[in-house]
C-alpha cells in the first residue's frame, strides 16, 4: 500500500509498536501526516524530541487524548485516511485487580474508535489484538476478545460507506516494554531467574514482523478478518539460558490469569480460518460475503477441521542459539 500524502492516526502511539510504526512510515513512505493519539503527556514530549521526529516535525502531530473520550477521538480523526488502534491496558495481574478500568479502555474505548471512524469516514482501520484473546482465561484477554468482536462486526454497520475494519492478533513483541526478555536482562547478574513454570511457552514476533503484518492487513483486508502471523515459539526457560547460560532458576508459580501455553487460533476458529501463505485469516462467520470471497480464492487454503495454533504445539520453535542472536539485536 502506498501511504504517500495520506493521514495516519495511531492510538496508543507512544507505545513500543506506535513508535516502531511511525519510524517505519517516515523512513519508507512520505505520509502527509502521522497523528500520535495517546494520554501520556511525558511520553509524547519525549517522543517528539527524538531526532527522527524532530526532523519530521511538519508531518508529526501529537494529540493528548484518551480512547474513553469519544468527542476527542472524533475531533482527532478529521481528515484521517487510516487508523491503527494500538491503545490498550495490557498487564494481566493489573486487569484482575482493576477489571472496570480495563473494560473502559479496551471495550468501551474500542467502540468509541469504531464509531469515530465511521463518523469521519476513515478508509481502513486495523486493531491490534493479542494471543490472550483466544479462549481467554483472564480479564485482559476477555476484554480484547470483546474488542476483536466489535471490530470484526463493525463492517456490518458502515452502511454505504466504504470502510474496512480488521484485526491483527499476535503475542508480545520481542523486547517490548513489560515483556519477559527486558525483565530477564535486568536479572542477568542476579542469583536466580524466577520461572513461573518450566513448561511455559510463548509466541515470538519481532517489531518488524508486527509492523509488516499491520501493513499487510491495511493492504489486503476485505473486512471482518483477524490476521494471525505464522511465527515461532520459545520456552521461557530457554530465554533465561540464552541471557545467562549459567543461570540458576527458581519456579515461582504462574500468576493469576496466566496460561502455560498461549493460543492464537482455537479449534473452534478453524471452521472459518484460511491459510494465506505467510499468515492465517480468521473470518467472522457472520459476514457471509467476505467468507464467500475467501472460500472462492484459489490461493487461499481452508485449514483442516480442529486445527489450532498453540505455542506449546507449534512446529517451529526457537533454539537457545537463535534466541541469543535475536536478543543481541535488542
C-alpha atoms as a PDB file:
ATOM      1  CA  UNK A   1       0.000   0.000   0.000  1.00  0.00           C
ATOM      2  CA  UNK A   2       1.203   3.496  -0.821  1.00  0.00           C
ATOM      3  CA  UNK A   3       0.964   5.917   2.114  1.00  0.00           C
ATOM      4  CA  UNK A   4       2.158   8.879   0.098  1.00  0.00           C
ATOM      5  CA  UNK A   5       0.247  12.025   1.109  1.00  0.00           C
ATOM      6  CA  UNK A   6      -2.021  10.015   3.441  1.00  0.00           C
ATOM      7  CA  UNK A   7      -3.006  10.816   7.014  1.00  0.00           C
ATOM      8  CA  UNK A   8      -2.456   8.022   9.549  1.00  0.00           C
ATOM      9  CA  UNK A   9      -3.633   8.095  13.162  1.00  0.00           C
ATOM     10  CA  UNK A  10      -2.179   5.701  15.744  1.00  0.00           C
ATOM     11  CA  UNK A  11      -3.983   5.328  19.063  1.00  0.00           C
ATOM     12  CA  UNK A  12      -1.555   4.491  21.851  1.00  0.00           C
ATOM     13  CA  UNK A  13       1.086   5.865  19.504  1.00  0.00           C
ATOM     14  CA  UNK A  14       3.760   6.423  22.164  1.00  0.00           C
ATOM     15  CA  UNK A  15       3.963   2.693  22.947  1.00  0.00           C
ATOM     16  CA  UNK A  16       6.618   0.359  21.529  1.00  0.00           C
ATOM     17  CA  UNK A  17       4.556  -0.511  18.465  1.00  0.00           C
ATOM     18  CA  UNK A  18       3.405   3.055  17.776  1.00  0.00           C
ATOM     19  CA  UNK A  19       6.965   4.332  17.825  1.00  0.00           C
ATOM     20  CA  UNK A  20       8.159   1.476  15.611  1.00  0.00           C
ATOM     21  CA  UNK A  21       5.395   2.003  13.053  1.00  0.00           C
ATOM     22  CA  UNK A  22       5.864   5.788  12.999  1.00  0.00           C
ATOM     23  CA  UNK A  23       9.593   5.374  12.396  1.00  0.00           C
ATOM     24  CA  UNK A  24       8.913   2.875   9.587  1.00  0.00           C
ATOM     25  CA  UNK A  25       6.355   5.116   7.877  1.00  0.00           C
ATOM     26  CA  UNK A  26       8.681   8.137   7.993  1.00  0.00           C
ATOM     27  CA  UNK A  27      11.647   6.180   6.612  1.00  0.00           C
ATOM     28  CA  UNK A  28       9.881   4.239   3.859  1.00  0.00           C
ATOM     29  CA  UNK A  29       6.945   6.444   2.814  1.00  0.00           C
ATOM     30  CA  UNK A  30       6.024  10.106   2.587  1.00  0.00           C
ATOM     31  CA  UNK A  31       2.784  10.435   4.531  1.00  0.00           C
ATOM     32  CA  UNK A  32       1.059  13.777   4.738  1.00  0.00           C
ATOM     33  CA  UNK A  33       0.588  13.453   8.473  1.00  0.00           C
ATOM     34  CA  UNK A  34       1.099  10.966  11.317  1.00  0.00           C
ATOM     35  CA  UNK A  35      -1.115  11.647  14.327  1.00  0.00           C
ATOM     36  CA  UNK A  36       0.031  10.206  17.652  1.00  0.00           C
ATOM     37  CA  UNK A  37      -3.046   9.897  19.860  1.00  0.00           C
ATOM     38  CA  UNK A  38      -2.291   8.984  23.466  1.00  0.00           C
ATOM     39  CA  UNK A  39      -2.929  10.130  27.014  1.00  0.00           C
ATOM     40  CA  UNK A  40       0.649  10.309  28.342  1.00  0.00           C
ATOM     41  CA  UNK A  41       1.996  13.859  28.096  1.00  0.00           C
ATOM     42  CA  UNK A  42       5.547  12.922  29.123  1.00  0.00           C
ATOM     43  CA  UNK A  43       5.869  10.106  26.578  1.00  0.00           C
ATOM     44  CA  UNK A  44       4.611  12.419  23.838  1.00  0.00           C
ATOM     45  CA  UNK A  45       7.140  15.082  24.877  1.00  0.00           C
ATOM     46  CA  UNK A  46       9.986  12.542  24.887  1.00  0.00           C
ATOM     47  CA  UNK A  47       8.945  11.079  21.533  1.00  0.00           C
ATOM     48  CA  UNK A  48       8.582  14.493  19.880  1.00  0.00           C
ATOM     49  CA  UNK A  49      12.142  15.342  20.955  1.00  0.00           C
ATOM     50  CA  UNK A  50      13.716  12.262  19.372  1.00  0.00           C
ATOM     51  CA  UNK A  51      15.802  13.207  16.352  1.00  0.00           C
ATOM     52  CA  UNK A  52      13.755  11.420  13.687  1.00  0.00           C
ATOM     53  CA  UNK A  53      10.513  13.058  14.855  1.00  0.00           C
ATOM     54  CA  UNK A  54      12.082  16.497  15.307  1.00  0.00           C
ATOM     55  CA  UNK A  55      13.379  16.247  11.748  1.00  0.00           C
ATOM     56  CA  UNK A  56       9.853  15.417  10.533  1.00  0.00           C
ATOM     57  CA  UNK A  57       8.000  17.841  12.808  1.00  0.00           C
ATOM     58  CA  UNK A  58       5.862  19.105   9.914  1.00  0.00           C
ATOM     59  CA  UNK A  59       4.456  15.590   9.448  1.00  0.00           C
ATOM     60  CA  UNK A  60       4.095  14.603  13.104  1.00  0.00           C
ATOM     61  CA  UNK A  61       1.100  15.647  15.209  1.00  0.00           C
ATOM     62  CA  UNK A  62       0.797  14.836  18.913  1.00  0.00           C
ATOM     63  CA  UNK A  63      -2.740  14.708  20.303  1.00  0.00           C
ATOM     64  CA  UNK A  64      -3.301  14.277  24.028  1.00  0.00           C
ATOM     65  CA  UNK A  65      -6.426  12.179  24.342  1.00  0.00           C
ATOM     66  CA  UNK A  66      -7.969   9.013  25.737  1.00  0.00           C
ATOM     67  CA  UNK A  67      -9.915   6.439  23.725  1.00  0.00           C
ATOM     68  CA  UNK A  68     -12.509   6.633  26.503  1.00  0.00           C
ATOM     69  CA  UNK A  69     -13.287  10.182  25.272  1.00  0.00           C
ATOM     70  CA  UNK A  70     -15.381   9.853  22.107  1.00  0.00           C
ATOM     71  CA  UNK A  71     -15.517  13.584  21.327  1.00  0.00           C
ATOM     72  CA  UNK A  72     -11.741  13.891  21.420  1.00  0.00           C
ATOM     73  CA  UNK A  73     -11.363  10.865  19.150  1.00  0.00           C
ATOM     74  CA  UNK A  74     -13.853  12.260  16.660  1.00  0.00           C
ATOM     75  CA  UNK A  75     -12.039  15.601  16.586  1.00  0.00           C
ATOM     76  CA  UNK A  76      -8.636  13.901  16.106  1.00  0.00           C
ATOM     77  CA  UNK A  77      -9.945  11.890  13.130  1.00  0.00           C
ATOM     78  CA  UNK A  78     -10.777  14.861  10.931  1.00  0.00           C
ATOM     79  CA  UNK A  79      -9.230  14.149   7.527  1.00  0.00           C
ATOM     80  CA  UNK A  80      -7.719  10.803   8.608  1.00  0.00           C
ATOM     81  CA  UNK A  81      -7.312   8.075   5.962  1.00  0.00           C
ATOM     82  CA  UNK A  82      -6.101   5.128   8.093  1.00  0.00           C
ATOM     83  CA  UNK A  83      -6.315   4.285  11.790  1.00  0.00           C
ATOM     84  CA  UNK A  84      -4.160   1.785  13.660  1.00  0.00           C
ATOM     85  CA  UNK A  85      -5.729   1.121  17.055  1.00  0.00           C
ATOM     86  CA  UNK A  86      -2.915   0.137  19.423  1.00  0.00           C
ATOM     87  CA  UNK A  87      -4.172   1.754  22.644  1.00  0.00           C
ATOM     88  CA  UNK A  88      -4.965  -0.726  25.421  1.00  0.00           C
ATOM     89  CA  UNK A  89      -4.392  -1.604  29.042  1.00  0.00           C
ATOM     90  CA  UNK A  90      -2.379  -4.827  28.922  1.00  0.00           C
ATOM     91  CA  UNK A  91      -0.977  -6.086  32.230  1.00  0.00           C
ATOM     92  CA  UNK A  92      -2.691  -9.350  33.179  1.00  0.00           C
ATOM     93  CA  UNK A  93      -2.363  -9.093  37.007  1.00  0.00           C
ATOM     94  CA  UNK A  94      -3.426  -5.431  36.916  1.00  0.00           C
ATOM     95  CA  UNK A  95      -6.554  -6.381  34.975  1.00  0.00           C
ATOM     96  CA  UNK A  96      -7.529  -8.972  37.574  1.00  0.00           C
ATOM     97  CA  UNK A  97      -7.390  -6.285  40.274  1.00  0.00           C
ATOM     98  CA  UNK A  98      -8.857  -3.395  38.220  1.00  0.00           C
ATOM     99  CA  UNK A  99     -11.378  -5.021  35.858  1.00  0.00           C
ATOM    100  CA  UNK A 100     -13.609  -1.963  35.444  1.00  0.00           C
ATOM    101  CA  UNK A 101     -10.714   0.164  34.182  1.00  0.00           C
ATOM    102  CA  UNK A 102      -9.796  -2.439  31.554  1.00  0.00           C
ATOM    103  CA  UNK A 103     -13.413  -2.588  30.378  1.00  0.00           C
ATOM    104  CA  UNK A 104     -13.490   1.221  29.986  1.00  0.00           C
ATOM    105  CA  UNK A 105     -10.331   1.324  27.858  1.00  0.00           C
ATOM    106  CA  UNK A 106     -10.278  -1.986  25.987  1.00  0.00           C
ATOM    107  CA  UNK A 107     -14.002  -2.431  25.297  1.00  0.00           C
ATOM    108  CA  UNK A 108     -15.716   0.954  25.517  1.00  0.00           C
ATOM    109  CA  UNK A 109     -12.608   2.581  24.031  1.00  0.00           C
ATOM    110  CA  UNK A 110     -12.726   0.146  21.095  1.00  0.00           C
ATOM    111  CA  UNK A 111     -16.369   1.019  20.416  1.00  0.00           C
ATOM    112  CA  UNK A 112     -15.501   4.730  20.557  1.00  0.00           C
ATOM    113  CA  UNK A 113     -12.748   4.226  17.965  1.00  0.00           C
ATOM    114  CA  UNK A 114     -15.161   2.367  15.688  1.00  0.00           C
ATOM    115  CA  UNK A 115     -17.895   4.985  15.989  1.00  0.00           C
ATOM    116  CA  UNK A 116     -15.465   7.869  15.394  1.00  0.00           C
ATOM    117  CA  UNK A 117     -14.011   6.123  12.329  1.00  0.00           C
ATOM    118  CA  UNK A 118     -17.489   5.662  10.856  1.00  0.00           C
ATOM    119  CA  UNK A 119     -18.496   9.254  11.694  1.00  0.00           C
ATOM    120  CA  UNK A 120     -15.382  10.606   9.956  1.00  0.00           C
ATOM    121  CA  UNK A 121     -15.441   8.111   7.065  1.00  0.00           C
ATOM    122  CA  UNK A 122     -11.955   6.714   7.672  1.00  0.00           C
ATOM    123  CA  UNK A 123     -10.947   4.342   4.852  1.00  0.00           C
ATOM    124  CA  UNK A 124      -9.307   1.457   6.719  1.00  0.00           C
ATOM    125  CA  UNK A 125      -8.859   0.557  10.371  1.00  0.00           C
ATOM    126  CA  UNK A 126      -6.623  -2.141  11.839  1.00  0.00           C
ATOM    127  CA  UNK A 127      -6.907  -3.011  15.541  1.00  0.00           C
ATOM    128  CA  UNK A 128      -4.085  -4.729  17.403  1.00  0.00           C
ATOM    129  CA  UNK A 129      -5.102  -7.766  19.431  1.00  0.00           C
ATOM    130  CA  UNK A 130      -3.310 -10.411  21.489  1.00  0.00           C
ATOM    131  CA  UNK A 131      -2.974 -14.172  21.704  1.00  0.00           C
ATOM    132  CA  UNK A 132      -4.632 -13.869  25.114  1.00  0.00           C
ATOM    133  CA  UNK A 133      -7.912 -13.061  23.323  1.00  0.00           C
ATOM    134  CA  UNK A 134      -8.132 -16.649  22.017  1.00  0.00           C
ATOM    135  CA  UNK A 135     -10.048 -18.774  24.547  1.00  0.00           C
ATOM    136  CA  UNK A 136      -9.312 -16.192  27.267  1.00  0.00           C
ATOM    137  CA  UNK A 137      -8.907 -17.191  30.913  1.00  0.00           C
ATOM    138  CA  UNK A 138      -8.007 -13.724  32.200  1.00  0.00           C
ATOM    139  CA  UNK A 139      -9.861 -10.425  32.129  1.00  0.00           C
ATOM    140  CA  UNK A 140      -7.353  -8.726  29.842  1.00  0.00           C
ATOM    141  CA  UNK A 141      -7.858 -11.458  27.237  1.00  0.00           C
ATOM    142  CA  UNK A 142     -11.626 -11.287  27.666  1.00  0.00           C
ATOM    143  CA  UNK A 143     -11.671  -7.526  27.051  1.00  0.00           C
ATOM    144  CA  UNK A 144      -9.538  -7.938  23.932  1.00  0.00           C
ATOM    145  CA  UNK A 145     -11.810 -10.711  22.665  1.00  0.00           C
ATOM    146  CA  UNK A 146     -14.725  -8.296  23.025  1.00  0.00           C
ATOM    147  CA  UNK A 147     -12.702  -5.681  21.155  1.00  0.00           C
ATOM    148  CA  UNK A 148     -11.962  -8.198  18.371  1.00  0.00           C
ATOM    149  CA  UNK A 149     -15.664  -8.995  18.090  1.00  0.00           C
ATOM    150  CA  UNK A 150     -16.513  -5.287  17.910  1.00  0.00           C
ATOM    151  CA  UNK A 151     -14.025  -4.613  15.123  1.00  0.00           C
ATOM    152  CA  UNK A 152     -14.884  -7.659  13.019  1.00  0.00           C
ATOM    153  CA  UNK A 153     -18.599  -6.870  13.366  1.00  0.00           C
ATOM    154  CA  UNK A 154     -18.129  -3.150  12.637  1.00  0.00           C
ATOM    155  CA  UNK A 155     -18.165  -3.839   8.899  1.00  0.00           C
ATOM    156  CA  UNK A 156     -21.872  -4.648   9.263  1.00  0.00           C
ATOM    157  CA  UNK A 157     -22.742  -1.123  10.426  1.00  0.00           C
ATOM    158  CA  UNK A 158     -20.918   1.024   7.862  1.00  0.00           C
ATOM    159  CA  UNK A 159     -23.923   1.290   5.554  1.00  0.00           C
ATOM    160  CA  UNK A 160     -22.997   2.729   2.139  1.00  0.00           C
ATOM    161  CA  UNK A 161     -19.613   3.949   3.406  1.00  0.00           C
ATOM    162  CA  UNK A 162     -16.580   2.113   2.030  1.00  0.00           C
ATOM    163  CA  UNK A 163     -14.862   1.495   5.352  1.00  0.00           C
ATOM    164  CA  UNK A 164     -12.891  -1.657   6.164  1.00  0.00           C
ATOM    165  CA  UNK A 165     -12.264  -2.887   9.726  1.00  0.00           C
ATOM    166  CA  UNK A 166      -9.870  -5.736  10.503  1.00  0.00           C
ATOM    167  CA  UNK A 167      -7.736  -7.076  13.355  1.00  0.00           C
ATOM    168  CA  UNK A 168      -4.198  -8.429  13.730  1.00  0.00           C
ATOM    169  CA  UNK A 169      -3.517 -10.895  16.544  1.00  0.00           C
ATOM    170  CA  UNK A 170      -0.117 -11.796  17.967  1.00  0.00           C
ATOM    171  CA  UNK A 171       1.757 -12.094  21.260  1.00  0.00           C
ATOM    172  CA  UNK A 172       4.175  -9.672  22.897  1.00  0.00           C
ATOM    173  CA  UNK A 173       6.598  -8.015  20.517  1.00  0.00           C
ATOM    174  CA  UNK A 174      10.120  -9.232  21.308  1.00  0.00           C
ATOM    175  CA  UNK A 175      11.830  -6.741  23.587  1.00  0.00           C
ATOM    176  CA  UNK A 176       8.753  -4.558  24.090  1.00  0.00           C
ATOM    177  CA  UNK A 177       8.122  -2.899  27.431  1.00  0.00           C
ATOM    178  CA  UNK A 178       6.638  -5.251  30.011  1.00  0.00           C
ATOM    179  CA  UNK A 179       7.657  -8.424  28.175  1.00  0.00           C
ATOM    180  CA  UNK A 180       9.829 -11.189  29.601  1.00  0.00           C
ATOM    181  CA  UNK A 181      13.116 -10.526  27.760  1.00  0.00           C
ATOM    182  CA  UNK A 182      13.764  -6.961  29.035  1.00  0.00           C
ATOM    183  CA  UNK A 183      12.825  -8.172  32.511  1.00  0.00           C
ATOM    184  CA  UNK A 184      15.228 -11.130  32.380  1.00  0.00           C
ATOM    185  CA  UNK A 185      18.004  -8.876  31.059  1.00  0.00           C
ATOM    186  CA  UNK A 186      17.760  -6.795  34.231  1.00  0.00           C
ATOM    187  CA  UNK A 187      18.313 -10.026  36.200  1.00  0.00           C
ATOM    188  CA  UNK A 188      21.357 -11.141  34.191  1.00  0.00           C
ATOM    189  CA  UNK A 189      23.693 -10.862  37.197  1.00  0.00           C
ATOM    190  CA  UNK A 190      21.159 -11.951  39.804  1.00  0.00           C
ATOM    191  CA  UNK A 191      21.419 -15.131  41.831  1.00  0.00           C
ATOM    192  CA  UNK A 192      18.478 -16.736  40.039  1.00  0.00           C
ATOM    193  CA  UNK A 193      15.818 -16.210  37.378  1.00  0.00           C
ATOM    194  CA  UNK A 194      12.188 -16.555  38.514  1.00  0.00           C
ATOM    195  CA  UNK A 195      10.443 -19.056  36.217  1.00  0.00           C
ATOM    196  CA  UNK A 196       6.689 -19.346  36.531  1.00  0.00           C
ATOM    197  CA  UNK A 197       6.590 -22.882  35.103  1.00  0.00           C
ATOM    198  CA  UNK A 198       9.337 -24.859  33.328  1.00  0.00           C
ATOM    199  CA  UNK A 199       6.827 -25.951  30.662  1.00  0.00           C
ATOM    200  CA  UNK A 200       5.752 -22.421  29.781  1.00  0.00           C
ATOM    201  CA  UNK A 201       5.974 -21.346  26.126  1.00  0.00           C
ATOM    202  CA  UNK A 202       5.188 -18.151  24.270  1.00  0.00           C
ATOM    203  CA  UNK A 203       4.930 -16.997  20.665  1.00  0.00           C
ATOM    204  CA  UNK A 204       7.712 -14.752  19.402  1.00  0.00           C
ATOM    205  CA  UNK A 205       7.306 -11.841  16.992  1.00  0.00           C
ATOM    206  CA  UNK A 206       9.802  -9.105  16.172  1.00  0.00           C
ATOM    207  CA  UNK A 207       8.877  -5.451  15.787  1.00  0.00           C
ATOM    208  CA  UNK A 208       9.487  -5.623  12.039  1.00  0.00           C
ATOM    209  CA  UNK A 209       7.205  -8.655  11.725  1.00  0.00           C
ATOM    210  CA  UNK A 210       4.409  -6.946  13.654  1.00  0.00           C
ATOM    211  CA  UNK A 211       4.694  -3.801  11.503  1.00  0.00           C
ATOM    212  CA  UNK A 212       4.683  -5.848   8.302  1.00  0.00           C
ATOM    213  CA  UNK A 213       1.574  -7.709   9.467  1.00  0.00           C
ATOM    214  CA  UNK A 214      -0.295  -4.438  10.078  1.00  0.00           C
ATOM    215  CA  UNK A 215       0.755  -3.116   6.669  1.00  0.00           C
ATOM    216  CA  UNK A 216      -0.369  -6.411   5.106  1.00  0.00           C
ATOM    217  CA  UNK A 217      -3.751  -6.048   6.785  1.00  0.00           C
ATOM    218  CA  UNK A 218      -4.105  -2.463   5.572  1.00  0.00           C
ATOM    219  CA  UNK A 219      -3.306  -3.571   2.034  1.00  0.00           C
ATOM    220  CA  UNK A 220      -5.280  -6.824   1.864  1.00  0.00           C
ATOM    221  CA  UNK A 221      -8.158  -6.765   4.343  1.00  0.00           C
ATOM    222  CA  UNK A 222     -11.628  -7.135   2.872  1.00  0.00           C
ATOM    223  CA  UNK A 223     -13.281  -6.574   6.248  1.00  0.00           C
ATOM    224  CA  UNK A 224     -14.053  -8.647   9.367  1.00  0.00           C
ATOM    225  CA  UNK A 225     -10.819 -10.700   9.380  1.00  0.00           C
ATOM    226  CA  UNK A 226      -8.409 -11.432  12.209  1.00  0.00           C
ATOM    227  CA  UNK A 227      -4.940 -11.854  10.691  1.00  0.00           C
ATOM    228  CA  UNK A 228      -2.595 -14.203  12.574  1.00  0.00           C
ATOM    229  CA  UNK A 229       1.122 -14.404  11.651  1.00  0.00           C
ATOM    230  CA  UNK A 230       2.997 -17.679  11.239  1.00  0.00           C
ATOM    231  CA  UNK A 231       5.625 -17.138  13.922  1.00  0.00           C
ATOM    232  CA  UNK A 232       7.820 -19.394  16.073  1.00  0.00           C
ATOM    233  CA  UNK A 233       7.531 -20.135  19.777  1.00  0.00           C
ATOM    234  CA  UNK A 234      10.077 -20.365  22.570  1.00  0.00           C
ATOM    235  CA  UNK A 235      10.327 -21.858  26.028  1.00  0.00           C
ATOM    236  CA  UNK A 236      10.587 -19.302  28.840  1.00  0.00           C
ATOM    237  CA  UNK A 237      13.340 -21.463  30.374  1.00  0.00           C
ATOM    238  CA  UNK A 238      15.345 -21.179  27.130  1.00  0.00           C
ATOM    239  CA  UNK A 239      15.086 -17.375  27.238  1.00  0.00           C
ATOM    240  CA  UNK A 240      16.746 -17.390  30.664  1.00  0.00           C
ATOM    241  CA  UNK A 241      19.508 -19.696  29.368  1.00  0.00           C
ATOM    242  CA  UNK A 242      20.028 -17.510  26.293  1.00  0.00           C
ATOM    243  CA  UNK A 243      20.591 -14.464  28.520  1.00  0.00           C
ATOM    244  CA  UNK A 244      22.730 -16.290  31.101  1.00  0.00           C
ATOM    245  CA  UNK A 245      23.766 -19.882  30.255  1.00  0.00           C
ATOM    246  CA  UNK A 246      24.867 -20.484  33.848  1.00  0.00           C
ATOM    247  CA  UNK A 247      21.793 -19.023  35.474  1.00  0.00           C
ATOM    248  CA  UNK A 248      20.010 -20.714  38.335  1.00  0.00           C
ATOM    249  CA  UNK A 249      16.236 -20.789  38.159  1.00  0.00           C
ATOM    250  CA  UNK A 250      13.519 -20.781  40.760  1.00  0.00           C
ATOM    251  CA  UNK A 251       9.982 -21.899  39.969  1.00  0.00           C
ATOM    252  CA  UNK A 252       7.651 -19.268  41.435  1.00  0.00           C
ATOM    253  CA  UNK A 253       4.309 -20.445  40.045  1.00  0.00           C
ATOM    254  CA  UNK A 254       2.043 -18.943  37.412  1.00  0.00           C
ATOM    255  CA  UNK A 255       0.360 -15.605  38.059  1.00  0.00           C
ATOM    256  CA  UNK A 256      -3.428 -15.182  38.251  1.00  0.00           C
ATOM    257  CA  UNK A 257      -4.945 -15.475  34.785  1.00  0.00           C
ATOM    258  CA  UNK A 258      -1.766 -16.822  33.164  1.00  0.00           C
ATOM    259  CA  UNK A 259      -1.603 -19.799  30.774  1.00  0.00           C
ATOM    260  CA  UNK A 260       1.133 -22.410  30.379  1.00  0.00           C
ATOM    261  CA  UNK A 261       0.832 -22.105  26.585  1.00  0.00           C
ATOM    262  CA  UNK A 262      -0.738 -19.343  24.500  1.00  0.00           C
ATOM    263  CA  UNK A 263      -3.086 -19.894  21.581  1.00  0.00           C
ATOM    264  CA  UNK A 264      -3.808 -17.651  18.599  1.00  0.00           C
ATOM    265  CA  UNK A 265      -6.243 -19.858  16.675  1.00  0.00           C
ATOM    266  CA  UNK A 266      -8.562 -22.214  18.561  1.00  0.00           C
ATOM    267  CA  UNK A 267     -10.158 -25.378  17.218  1.00  0.00           C
ATOM    268  CA  UNK A 268     -13.479 -23.513  17.204  1.00  0.00           C
ATOM    269  CA  UNK A 269     -11.929 -20.871  14.927  1.00  0.00           C
ATOM    270  CA  UNK A 270     -10.775 -23.484  12.407  1.00  0.00           C
ATOM    271  CA  UNK A 271     -14.144 -23.626  10.629  1.00  0.00           C
ATOM    272  CA  UNK A 272     -13.610 -20.154   9.148  1.00  0.00           C
ATOM    273  CA  UNK A 273      -9.805 -19.910   9.132  1.00  0.00           C
ATOM    274  CA  UNK A 274      -7.783 -19.726   5.922  1.00  0.00           C
ATOM    275  CA  UNK A 275      -4.086 -20.222   5.220  1.00  0.00           C
ATOM    276  CA  UNK A 276      -2.859 -17.234   3.185  1.00  0.00           C
ATOM    277  CA  UNK A 277       0.746 -18.394   2.972  1.00  0.00           C
ATOM    278  CA  UNK A 278       2.629 -16.081   5.341  1.00  0.00           C
ATOM    279  CA  UNK A 279      -0.279 -15.742   7.758  1.00  0.00           C
ATOM    280  CA  UNK A 280      -3.747 -17.012   8.606  1.00  0.00           C
ATOM    281  CA  UNK A 281      -7.043 -15.160   8.399  1.00  0.00           C
ATOM    282  CA  UNK A 282      -9.913 -15.938  10.772  1.00  0.00           C
ATOM    283  CA  UNK A 283     -13.053 -14.652   9.068  1.00  0.00           C
ATOM    284  CA  UNK A 284     -16.121 -13.575  11.015  1.00  0.00           C
ATOM    285  CA  UNK A 285     -18.714 -16.264  10.090  1.00  0.00           C
ATOM    286  CA  UNK A 286     -21.475 -13.638  10.319  1.00  0.00           C
ATOM    287  CA  UNK A 287     -20.029 -11.850   7.293  1.00  0.00           C
ATOM    288  CA  UNK A 288     -21.211 -14.160   4.513  1.00  0.00           C
ATOM    289  CA  UNK A 289     -19.867 -12.079   1.614  1.00  0.00           C
ATOM    290  CA  UNK A 290     -16.317 -11.973   2.976  1.00  0.00           C
ATOM    291  CA  UNK A 291     -16.431 -15.656   3.895  1.00  0.00           C
ATOM    292  CA  UNK A 292     -17.520 -16.465   0.345  1.00  0.00           C
ATOM    293  CA  UNK A 293     -14.648 -14.367  -1.026  1.00  0.00           C
ATOM    294  CA  UNK A 294     -12.092 -16.370   0.946  1.00  0.00           C
ATOM    295  CA  UNK A 295     -13.665 -19.704   0.032  1.00  0.00           C
ATOM    296  CA  UNK A 296     -13.523 -18.851  -3.668  1.00  0.00           C
ATOM    297  CA  UNK A 297      -9.922 -17.599  -3.659  1.00  0.00           C
ATOM    298  CA  UNK A 298      -7.848 -20.380  -5.222  1.00  0.00           C
ATOM    299  CA  UNK A 299      -4.592 -19.443  -3.477  1.00  0.00           C
ATOM    300  CA  UNK A 300      -6.260 -19.372  -0.045  1.00  0.00           C
ATOM    301  CA  UNK A 301      -6.440 -22.758   1.647  1.00  0.00           C
ATOM    302  CA  UNK A 302      -9.006 -23.620   4.291  1.00  0.00           C
ATOM    303  CA  UNK A 303      -7.261 -25.059   7.374  1.00  0.00           C
ATOM    304  CA  UNK A 304      -8.213 -28.595   8.480  1.00  0.00           C
ATOM    305  CA  UNK A 305     -11.093 -29.093  10.898  1.00  0.00           C
ATOM    306  CA  UNK A 306      -9.964 -28.899  14.541  1.00  0.00           C
ATOM    307  CA  UNK A 307      -6.781 -27.063  13.540  1.00  0.00           C
ATOM    308  CA  UNK A 308      -5.300 -24.865  16.266  1.00  0.00           C
ATOM    309  CA  UNK A 309      -2.227 -22.649  16.543  1.00  0.00           C
ATOM    310  CA  UNK A 310      -0.775 -23.174  20.011  1.00  0.00           C
ATOM    311  CA  UNK A 311       2.652 -22.084  21.313  1.00  0.00           C
ATOM    312  CA  UNK A 312       3.157 -25.449  23.016  1.00  0.00           C
ATOM    313  CA  UNK A 313       2.362 -27.457  19.876  1.00  0.00           C
ATOM    314  CA  UNK A 314       3.979 -25.104  17.378  1.00  0.00           C
ATOM    315  CA  UNK A 315       6.165 -26.931  14.849  1.00  0.00           C
ATOM    316  CA  UNK A 316       8.584 -24.003  14.685  1.00  0.00           C
ATOM    317  CA  UNK A 317      10.489 -23.384  17.925  1.00  0.00           C
ATOM    318  CA  UNK A 318      13.442 -21.092  18.562  1.00  0.00           C
ATOM    319  CA  UNK A 319      16.612 -22.718  19.918  1.00  0.00           C
ATOM    320  CA  UNK A 320      18.729 -21.140  22.664  1.00  0.00           C
ATOM    321  CA  UNK A 321      21.285 -20.187  19.986  1.00  0.00           C
ATOM    322  CA  UNK A 322      18.619 -18.485  17.868  1.00  0.00           C
ATOM    323  CA  UNK A 323      17.279 -16.672  20.916  1.00  0.00           C
ATOM    324  CA  UNK A 324      20.775 -15.415  21.762  1.00  0.00           C
ATOM    325  CA  UNK A 325      21.140 -13.918  18.295  1.00  0.00           C
ATOM    326  CA  UNK A 326      17.717 -12.233  18.434  1.00  0.00           C
ATOM    327  CA  UNK A 327      18.259 -10.900  21.949  1.00  0.00           C
ATOM    328  CA  UNK A 328      21.643  -9.439  20.946  1.00  0.00           C
ATOM    329  CA  UNK A 329      19.865  -7.191  18.413  1.00  0.00           C
ATOM    330  CA  UNK A 330      17.597  -5.585  21.008  1.00  0.00           C
END
